[in-house]
Every structure is written in C-alpha cells, then in structure tokens.
C-alpha cells in the first residue's frame, strides 16, 4: 500500500506537537509522507490564496484529497475507519490537507473530494497533525482487529 500524503501549511518545529505527530506517524504502516507548505504573509484572504495555490501545486495528479475543515463530516472512529478503507481501496493516491492559521482557501476546499472535521471545536493547525495521525492509527487498528481501539468506551 502506498503511503498517504499529508500536505500541511507551516514547518513543524521540535516540541510537543512534533513529538505527538512523530509518535503516531511511526505507528502507521506505512507512515504518512509529509509535505510542508511555507506560511504566507499578508491579509487573511491573501494568505489563504497563496497557501492554497501552494497546496494545490503540491498535490500529485489524480490524488483523492481530503481537506481538514470545520465544515467537514465528523464521523466517529469506526466511521472514519470505513471511510479510510473506501478511500484506500479507490486505488488513487490519498492526501490529507491541513491549512494554516487562516484555514484553507475556498479553491482547496472546492478541489477536495472529501472534507473531514475533528469535531466542532477549532484546533491549532500544528496540533491537528498529531490528532489526524492518531485517528489514522486508530482506524488501522480497527481494521486489523487490534485492541488499541475499545469500541465499548467513548
């Protein structure tokens, strides 16, 4: 299986967010391939536009893009595992897109085939990387019947 790609705005520096991401990404088989997009400067709209152009330019052709966005679907872990399986079985490269502090540009959201929310709260974009990697690992554990996920427990 080809590794899924994570295309994210910002350079993740050493610290707790990087450690959290590294911990769960190392558990993934195969781990996420990461492409970091430089943070843009300017007005909020200009930042979104510039970062959005860079994200779209980094997407390999025919990629199934999943945008992390508050307006996306927020499945439970079992539902996410089913979605992930369906996306992976499509035979297309898979990429998760995480915007910067200003969020994702409308052009990126329009090009994404799926939108995914990690709940109704707003999360710092660097923390989202670790949370996504953990949910990907959890989905993998659910599919493999590994006891990491306990369905009986919220």
Protein backbone atom coordinates (compact mmCIF):
# COMPACT_ATOMS: atom_id res chain seq x y z
CA UNK A 1 0.00 0.00 0.00
CA UNK A 2 1.31 3.44 -0.93
CA UNK A 3 1.71 5.86 1.95
CA UNK A 4 -0.92 8.55 2.26
CA UNK A 5 0.44 12.08 2.00
CA UNK A 6 -0.05 14.90 4.46
CA UNK A 7 0.19 18.33 2.86
CA UNK A 8 0.23 20.92 5.63
CA UNK A 9 0.94 24.61 5.98
CA UNK A 10 3.81 25.52 8.29
CA UNK A 11 7.03 23.94 9.41
CA UNK A 12 6.54 21.77 12.47
CA UNK A 13 9.40 22.53 14.83
CA UNK A 14 10.64 20.42 17.74
CA UNK A 15 8.19 20.42 20.61
CA UNK A 16 5.15 18.60 21.95
CA UNK A 17 3.14 18.87 18.71
CA UNK A 18 6.03 17.40 16.69
CA UNK A 19 6.51 14.63 19.26
CA UNK A 20 2.81 13.74 19.20
CA UNK A 21 2.78 13.59 15.40
CA UNK A 22 6.02 11.57 15.27
CA UNK A 23 4.73 9.08 17.86
CA UNK A 24 1.59 8.19 15.89
CA UNK A 25 3.09 8.56 12.43
CA UNK A 26 5.76 6.00 13.39
CA UNK A 27 2.97 3.53 14.23
CA UNK A 28 1.30 3.86 10.84
CA UNK A 29 2.03 1.21 8.23
CA UNK A 30 3.14 2.87 6.02
CA UNK A 31 3.72 6.23 7.73
CA UNK A 32 2.41 9.43 6.20
CA UNK A 33 4.66 11.16 3.70
CA UNK A 34 4.74 14.83 4.74
CA UNK A 35 4.93 17.90 2.52
CA UNK A 36 5.16 21.20 4.38
CA UNK A 37 4.00 24.40 2.69
CA UNK A 38 5.59 27.68 3.82
CA UNK A 39 3.32 30.04 5.73
CA UNK A 40 2.34 33.06 3.64
CA UNK A 41 2.14 36.68 4.76
CA UNK A 42 -0.41 39.39 4.03
CA UNK A 43 -4.12 39.84 4.64
CA UNK A 44 -6.12 36.77 5.68
CA UNK A 45 -7.53 36.40 2.17
CA UNK A 46 -4.09 36.79 0.57
CA UNK A 47 -2.58 34.24 2.98
CA UNK A 48 -5.32 31.69 2.19
CA UNK A 49 -4.92 32.29 -1.55
CA UNK A 50 -1.12 31.91 -1.55
CA UNK A 51 -1.11 28.89 0.74
CA UNK A 52 -3.99 27.37 -1.26
CA UNK A 53 -2.08 27.72 -4.53
CA UNK A 54 0.94 26.02 -2.93
CA UNK A 55 -1.19 23.18 -1.54
CA UNK A 56 -2.83 22.55 -4.91
CA UNK A 57 0.56 22.65 -6.65
CA UNK A 58 1.87 20.02 -4.20
CA UNK A 59 -0.99 17.58 -4.89
CA UNK A 60 0.10 14.73 -7.14
CA UNK A 61 -2.15 14.18 -10.15
CA UNK A 62 -5.30 12.07 -9.63
CA UNK A 63 -4.98 12.33 -5.84
CA UNK A 64 -8.03 11.81 -3.66
CA UNK A 65 -7.76 14.93 -1.50
CA UNK A 66 -9.30 15.12 1.98
CA UNK A 67 -9.43 18.64 3.42
CA UNK A 68 -9.38 19.04 7.20
CA UNK A 69 -12.03 21.69 7.78
CA UNK A 70 -14.61 22.60 10.43
CA UNK A 71 -17.34 22.30 7.79
CA UNK A 72 -16.45 18.69 7.04
CA UNK A 73 -18.00 15.45 8.16
CA UNK A 74 -17.16 14.42 11.72
CA UNK A 75 -17.54 10.62 11.79
CA UNK A 76 -16.88 8.54 14.86
CA UNK A 77 -13.72 6.42 14.80
CA UNK A 78 -15.42 3.36 13.31
CA UNK A 79 -17.00 5.53 10.60
CA UNK A 80 -13.64 7.09 9.86
CA UNK A 81 -12.08 3.62 9.57
CA UNK A 82 -14.74 2.71 6.98
CA UNK A 83 -14.15 5.96 5.06
CA UNK A 84 -10.39 5.43 5.10
CA UNK A 85 -10.79 1.89 3.79
CA UNK A 86 -13.03 3.11 0.96
CA UNK A 87 -10.56 5.88 0.06
CA UNK A 88 -7.60 3.49 0.10
CA UNK A 89 -9.47 0.91 -1.98
CA UNK A 90 -10.09 3.55 -4.67
CA UNK A 91 -6.57 2.81 -5.90
CA UNK A 92 -5.79 6.51 -6.05
CA UNK A 93 -3.11 8.33 -4.07
CA UNK A 94 -4.58 9.77 -0.86
CA UNK A 95 -3.67 13.16 0.62
CA UNK A 96 -4.87 14.95 3.73
CA UNK A 97 -4.75 18.74 3.54
CA UNK A 98 -4.25 20.97 6.57
CA UNK A 99 -4.34 24.75 6.19
CA UNK A 100 -2.53 27.34 8.24
CA UNK A 101 -3.82 29.74 10.86
CA UNK A 102 -6.20 31.33 8.32
CA UNK A 103 -7.65 27.98 7.22
CA UNK A 104 -7.93 26.53 3.73
CA UNK A 105 -8.64 28.63 0.67
CA UNK A 106 -12.05 28.08 -0.99
CA UNK A 107 -10.23 26.76 -4.09
CA UNK A 108 -8.66 23.99 -1.99
CA UNK A 109 -11.99 23.14 -0.37
CA UNK A 110 -13.66 23.03 -3.79
CA UNK A 111 -10.99 20.69 -5.18
CA UNK A 112 -11.12 18.27 -2.24
CA UNK A 113 -13.27 15.19 -2.73
CA UNK A 114 -13.92 14.94 0.98
CA UNK A 115 -13.91 17.29 3.94
CA UNK A 116 -13.17 15.99 7.40
CA UNK A 117 -13.61 17.71 10.77
CA UNK A 118 -12.00 16.58 14.00
CA UNK A 119 -15.08 17.74 15.89
CA UNK A 120 -16.82 21.10 16.17
CA UNK A 121 -14.00 22.90 18.01
CA UNK A 122 -11.24 24.87 16.34
CA UNK A 123 -7.79 23.28 16.80
CA UNK A 124 -4.34 24.77 16.19
CA UNK A 125 -3.13 23.59 12.78
CA UNK A 126 0.06 22.09 14.23
CA UNK A 127 -1.94 20.06 16.77
CA UNK A 128 -4.25 18.78 14.00
CA UNK A 129 -1.32 16.83 12.52
CA UNK A 130 -0.95 14.72 15.65
CA UNK A 131 -4.69 14.29 16.06
CA UNK A 132 -5.05 13.14 12.45
CA UNK A 133 -2.12 10.71 12.76
CA UNK A 134 -3.68 9.25 15.92
CA UNK A 135 -7.04 8.77 14.19
CA UNK A 136 -5.34 7.18 11.19
CA UNK A 137 -3.55 4.79 13.55
CA UNK A 138 -6.83 4.09 15.35
CA UNK A 139 -8.56 3.38 12.01
CA UNK A 140 -5.74 1.00 11.11
CA UNK A 141 -6.14 -0.74 14.49
CA UNK A 142 -9.91 -1.03 13.99
CA UNK A 143 -9.43 -2.60 10.55
CA UNK A 144 -6.78 -5.00 11.86
CA UNK A 145 -8.79 -6.01 14.93
CA UNK A 146 -6.03 -4.64 17.21
CA UNK A 147 -7.15 -3.91 20.79
CA UNK A 148 -5.90 -0.27 20.70
CA UNK A 149 -9.46 0.88 19.96
CA UNK A 150 -12.07 -0.03 22.54
CA UNK A 151 -15.46 0.35 20.85
CA UNK A 152 -17.34 0.00 24.13
CA UNK A 153 -15.61 3.07 25.54
CA UNK A 154 -16.32 6.63 24.44
